[in-house]
Amino acid sequence: MFDDKLIDDNVRTLFEESLAEIALLELSEKDNWQILSTLNLMHSFYREQKGKAFFRQLLRSTLDVFIYQAASMYKSAENIRESGHSLRNVEITK
C-alpha cells in the first residue's frame, strides 16, 4: 500500500481532489521523455544501488521528482481545462 506521508500536503491535496474525476493527460514528447527518464533512473537505482549507502535517499529523491513531475503535468492540464470552461461561461453570459 502507498504511504501518503511520502508526499507533501499541497501535492496530496491536488491528487485527492483529482480522485473525483478521471483525467486523461496527453503528454508531449518532452513530458513523456522526462517521465520515462525518471522511472528508468529510479529503476536503475533500485537494481544497482540496493543495499548500498544512501540507497533509500536516492530512491526517495527520484520518487519526489516523479511525484512533482506528475503533479505539475496534471496541474497544467487542469489549468488549461479551467481556462476553457471560463471562456465558455463568458460566451454563455454574453
N, C-alpha and C. Protein backbone atom coordinates (compact mmCIF):
# COMPACT_ATOMS: atom_id res chain seq x y z
N MET A 1 0.83 -1.19 0.00
CA MET A 1 0.00 0.00 0.00
C MET A 1 0.88 1.25 0.00
N PHE A 2 0.43 2.29 -0.68
CA PHE A 2 1.19 3.53 -0.80
C PHE A 2 1.02 4.38 0.46
N ASP A 3 2.10 4.85 1.02
CA ASP A 3 2.06 5.69 2.21
C ASP A 3 1.95 7.15 1.78
N ASP A 4 0.82 7.79 2.09
CA ASP A 4 0.61 9.17 1.63
C ASP A 4 1.51 10.18 2.35
N LYS A 5 2.25 9.73 3.34
CA LYS A 5 3.20 10.62 4.01
C LYS A 5 4.44 10.87 3.15
N LEU A 6 4.54 10.11 2.04
CA LEU A 6 5.68 10.28 1.15
C LEU A 6 5.59 11.56 0.32
N ILE A 7 4.42 12.17 0.28
CA ILE A 7 4.27 13.41 -0.50
C ILE A 7 3.79 14.53 0.41
N ASP A 8 4.12 15.76 0.05
CA ASP A 8 3.75 16.88 0.90
C ASP A 8 2.26 17.22 0.77
N ASP A 9 1.78 18.07 1.67
CA ASP A 9 0.34 18.38 1.75
C ASP A 9 -0.23 18.97 0.47
N ASN A 10 0.50 19.88 -0.17
CA ASN A 10 -0.01 20.52 -1.39
C ASN A 10 -0.26 19.51 -2.50
N VAL A 11 0.70 18.64 -2.72
CA VAL A 11 0.56 17.64 -3.78
C VAL A 11 -0.50 16.61 -3.39
N ARG A 12 -0.52 16.21 -2.13
CA ARG A 12 -1.52 15.25 -1.66
C ARG A 12 -2.92 15.80 -1.88
N THR A 13 -3.13 17.09 -1.55
CA THR A 13 -4.43 17.72 -1.76
C THR A 13 -4.81 17.74 -3.23
N LEU A 14 -3.87 18.10 -4.08
CA LEU A 14 -4.12 18.12 -5.53
C LEU A 14 -4.55 16.75 -6.02
N PHE A 15 -3.84 15.70 -5.60
CA PHE A 15 -4.17 14.35 -6.03
C PHE A 15 -5.52 13.89 -5.45
N GLU A 16 -5.77 14.22 -4.19
CA GLU A 16 -7.05 13.81 -3.58
C GLU A 16 -8.23 14.49 -4.27
N GLU A 17 -8.07 15.76 -4.63
CA GLU A 17 -9.14 16.47 -5.33
C GLU A 17 -9.37 15.88 -6.72
N SER A 18 -8.33 15.36 -7.32
CA SER A 18 -8.45 14.81 -8.67
C SER A 18 -9.10 13.43 -8.67
N LEU A 19 -9.22 12.80 -7.52
CA LEU A 19 -9.81 11.46 -7.46
C LEU A 19 -11.28 11.46 -7.84
N ALA A 20 -11.93 12.61 -7.73
CA ALA A 20 -13.36 12.70 -8.04
C ALA A 20 -13.62 12.65 -9.55
N GLU A 21 -12.60 12.84 -10.34
CA GLU A 21 -12.77 12.84 -11.79
C GLU A 21 -11.68 12.04 -12.46
N ILE A 22 -11.98 11.54 -13.61
CA ILE A 22 -10.98 10.82 -14.40
C ILE A 22 -10.34 11.84 -15.33
N ALA A 23 -9.05 11.95 -15.24
CA ALA A 23 -8.35 12.92 -16.08
C ALA A 23 -7.30 12.18 -16.91
N LEU A 24 -7.51 12.18 -18.19
CA LEU A 24 -6.51 11.61 -19.09
C LEU A 24 -5.60 12.73 -19.55
N LEU A 25 -4.34 12.55 -19.33
CA LEU A 25 -3.38 13.58 -19.72
C LEU A 25 -2.70 13.18 -21.01
N GLU A 26 -2.70 14.10 -21.94
CA GLU A 26 -1.97 13.86 -23.17
C GLU A 26 -0.58 14.47 -22.98
N LEU A 27 0.41 13.62 -22.94
CA LEU A 27 1.77 14.08 -22.68
C LEU A 27 2.46 14.47 -23.98
N SER A 28 3.19 15.57 -23.89
CA SER A 28 4.02 15.96 -25.03
C SER A 28 5.18 14.96 -25.11
N GLU A 29 5.88 14.98 -26.20
CA GLU A 29 7.04 14.11 -26.35
C GLU A 29 8.07 14.40 -25.26
N LYS A 30 8.24 15.67 -24.95
CA LYS A 30 9.20 16.08 -23.91
C LYS A 30 8.76 15.57 -22.54
N ASP A 31 7.46 15.74 -22.20
CA ASP A 31 6.95 15.26 -20.92
C ASP A 31 7.10 13.74 -20.81
N ASN A 32 6.76 13.06 -21.89
CA ASN A 32 6.88 11.60 -21.91
C ASN A 32 8.33 11.18 -21.69
N TRP A 33 9.25 11.83 -22.34
CA TRP A 33 10.67 11.52 -22.20
C TRP A 33 11.11 11.76 -20.76
N GLN A 34 10.67 12.87 -20.15
CA GLN A 34 11.06 13.18 -18.77
C GLN A 34 10.54 12.13 -17.79
N ILE A 35 9.27 11.75 -17.95
CA ILE A 35 8.70 10.74 -17.06
C ILE A 35 9.43 9.41 -17.21
N LEU A 36 9.64 8.99 -18.45
CA LEU A 36 10.35 7.72 -18.68
C LEU A 36 11.78 7.76 -18.15
N SER A 37 12.44 8.88 -18.32
CA SER A 37 13.81 9.02 -17.81
C SER A 37 13.84 8.90 -16.29
N THR A 38 12.89 9.54 -15.63
CA THR A 38 12.83 9.47 -14.17
C THR A 38 12.55 8.05 -13.70
N LEU A 39 11.59 7.38 -14.36
CA LEU A 39 11.28 5.99 -13.98
C LEU A 39 12.47 5.07 -14.24
N ASN A 40 13.17 5.27 -15.35
CA ASN A 40 14.36 4.47 -15.65
C ASN A 40 15.46 4.70 -14.62
N LEU A 41 15.63 5.96 -14.22
CA LEU A 41 16.63 6.28 -13.21
C LEU A 41 16.28 5.62 -11.88
N MET A 42 15.01 5.69 -11.51
CA MET A 42 14.56 5.07 -10.27
C MET A 42 14.79 3.55 -10.31
N HIS A 43 14.46 2.95 -11.44
CA HIS A 43 14.67 1.51 -11.60
C HIS A 43 16.15 1.16 -11.54
N SER A 44 16.97 1.98 -12.15
CA SER A 44 18.41 1.76 -12.13
C SER A 44 18.96 1.84 -10.71
N PHE A 45 18.54 2.85 -9.96
CA PHE A 45 18.97 2.97 -8.56
C PHE A 45 18.54 1.74 -7.77
N TYR A 46 17.31 1.30 -8.01
CA TYR A 46 16.80 0.15 -7.27
C TYR A 46 17.63 -1.10 -7.56
N ARG A 47 17.94 -1.33 -8.83
CA ARG A 47 18.71 -2.52 -9.22
C ARG A 47 20.16 -2.44 -8.78
N GLU A 48 20.79 -1.29 -8.99
CA GLU A 48 22.24 -1.20 -8.85
C GLU A 48 22.71 -0.68 -7.50
N GLN A 49 21.85 0.02 -6.77
CA GLN A 49 22.28 0.63 -5.52
C GLN A 49 21.68 -0.04 -4.28
N LYS A 50 20.80 -1.02 -4.49
CA LYS A 50 20.12 -1.68 -3.37
C LYS A 50 21.15 -2.19 -2.37
N GLY A 51 20.96 -1.80 -1.10
CA GLY A 51 21.85 -2.23 -0.04
C GLY A 51 23.07 -1.34 0.15
N LYS A 52 23.30 -0.41 -0.77
CA LYS A 52 24.46 0.48 -0.66
C LYS A 52 24.10 1.73 0.15
N ALA A 53 25.15 2.48 0.49
CA ALA A 53 24.95 3.72 1.25
C ALA A 53 24.04 4.66 0.48
N PHE A 54 23.14 5.29 1.18
CA PHE A 54 22.22 6.30 0.66
C PHE A 54 21.19 5.75 -0.34
N PHE A 55 21.00 4.43 -0.35
CA PHE A 55 20.04 3.82 -1.26
C PHE A 55 18.64 4.42 -1.07
N ARG A 56 18.17 4.45 0.16
CA ARG A 56 16.82 4.96 0.43
C ARG A 56 16.69 6.43 0.03
N GLN A 57 17.73 7.21 0.29
CA GLN A 57 17.70 8.62 -0.06
C GLN A 57 17.66 8.82 -1.58
N LEU A 58 18.43 8.02 -2.30
CA LEU A 58 18.41 8.10 -3.76
C LEU A 58 17.04 7.74 -4.31
N LEU A 59 16.48 6.67 -3.79
CA LEU A 59 15.16 6.24 -4.24
C LEU A 59 14.10 7.27 -3.88
N ARG A 60 14.19 7.79 -2.67
CA ARG A 60 13.21 8.80 -2.22
C ARG A 60 13.31 10.07 -3.07
N SER A 61 14.51 10.48 -3.39
CA SER A 61 14.70 11.69 -4.20
C SER A 61 14.13 11.53 -5.60
N THR A 62 14.35 10.38 -6.20
CA THR A 62 13.80 10.17 -7.55
C THR A 62 12.28 10.00 -7.49
N LEU A 63 11.77 9.43 -6.40
CA LEU A 63 10.32 9.34 -6.23
C LEU A 63 9.72 10.74 -6.13
N ASP A 64 10.39 11.63 -5.38
CA ASP A 64 9.93 13.02 -5.27
C ASP A 64 9.88 13.68 -6.64
N VAL A 65 10.92 13.47 -7.44
CA VAL A 65 10.96 14.05 -8.79
C VAL A 65 9.76 13.55 -9.59
N PHE A 66 9.52 12.25 -9.56
CA PHE A 66 8.40 11.67 -10.30
C PHE A 66 7.06 12.25 -9.84
N ILE A 67 6.86 12.33 -8.54
CA ILE A 67 5.59 12.83 -7.99
C ILE A 67 5.38 14.29 -8.40
N TYR A 68 6.41 15.11 -8.28
CA TYR A 68 6.26 16.52 -8.65
C TYR A 68 6.09 16.71 -10.16
N GLN A 69 6.73 15.85 -10.96
CA GLN A 69 6.51 15.91 -12.41
C GLN A 69 5.05 15.62 -12.72
N ALA A 70 4.53 14.55 -12.13
CA ALA A 70 3.13 14.17 -12.37
C ALA A 70 2.19 15.26 -11.89
N ALA A 71 2.45 15.82 -10.72
CA ALA A 71 1.60 16.88 -10.19
C ALA A 71 1.63 18.12 -11.08
N SER A 72 2.81 18.48 -11.55
CA SER A 72 2.95 19.64 -12.41
C SER A 72 2.21 19.45 -13.73
N MET A 73 2.34 18.26 -14.31
CA MET A 73 1.66 17.97 -15.57
C MET A 73 0.15 17.97 -15.38
N TYR A 74 -0.32 17.40 -14.28
CA TYR A 74 -1.75 17.37 -14.00
C TYR A 74 -2.28 18.79 -13.79
N LYS A 75 -1.56 19.60 -13.00
CA LYS A 75 -1.99 20.97 -12.71
C LYS A 75 -2.03 21.81 -13.99
N SER A 76 -1.05 21.64 -14.85
CA SER A 76 -1.04 22.38 -16.13
C SER A 76 -2.26 22.01 -16.97
N ALA A 77 -2.56 20.71 -17.04
CA ALA A 77 -3.73 20.27 -17.81
C ALA A 77 -5.02 20.79 -17.18
N GLU A 78 -5.07 20.79 -15.85
CA GLU A 78 -6.25 21.29 -15.15
C GLU A 78 -6.45 22.78 -15.42
N ASN A 79 -5.37 23.55 -15.41
CA ASN A 79 -5.45 24.98 -15.70
C ASN A 79 -5.96 25.23 -17.11
N ILE A 80 -5.51 24.42 -18.05
CA ILE A 80 -5.97 24.56 -19.43
C ILE A 80 -7.46 24.25 -19.52
N ARG A 81 -7.89 23.16 -18.85
CA ARG A 81 -9.32 22.81 -18.85
C ARG A 81 -10.16 23.92 -18.22
N GLU A 82 -9.69 24.46 -17.09
CA GLU A 82 -10.44 25.51 -16.40
C GLU A 82 -10.52 26.78 -17.23
N SER A 83 -9.45 27.12 -17.94
CA SER A 83 -9.49 28.33 -18.76
C SER A 83 -10.47 28.14 -19.91
N GLY A 84 -10.58 26.93 -20.43
CA GLY A 84 -11.56 26.63 -21.48
C GLY A 84 -12.98 26.79 -20.98
N HIS A 85 -13.24 26.34 -19.76
CA HIS A 85 -14.57 26.48 -19.18
C HIS A 85 -14.89 27.95 -18.92
N SER A 86 -13.91 28.68 -18.46
CA SER A 86 -14.13 30.10 -18.18
C SER A 86 -14.52 30.86 -19.45
N LEU A 87 -13.84 30.57 -20.55
CA LEU A 87 -14.17 31.24 -21.81
C LEU A 87 -15.58 30.90 -22.26
N ARG A 88 -15.99 29.63 -22.11
CA ARG A 88 -17.34 29.24 -22.49
C ARG A 88 -18.38 29.91 -21.61
N ASN A 89 -18.09 30.03 -20.31
CA ASN A 89 -19.02 30.69 -19.40
C ASN A 89 -19.20 32.15 -19.76
N VAL A 90 -18.13 32.78 -20.18
CA VAL A 90 -18.22 34.19 -20.59
C VAL A 90 -19.08 34.30 -21.84
N GLU A 91 -18.88 33.39 -22.80
CA GLU A 91 -19.68 33.43 -24.03
C GLU A 91 -21.15 33.18 -23.74
N ILE A 92 -21.46 32.26 -22.85
CA ILE A 92 -22.85 31.97 -22.49
C ILE A 92 -23.48 33.18 -21.82
N THR A 93 -22.71 33.85 -20.99
CA THR A 93 -23.22 35.02 -20.29
C THR A 93 -23.53 36.15 -21.26
N LYS A 94 -22.73 36.30 -22.31
CA LYS A 94 -22.96 37.35 -23.29
C LYS A 94 -24.26 37.09 -23.98
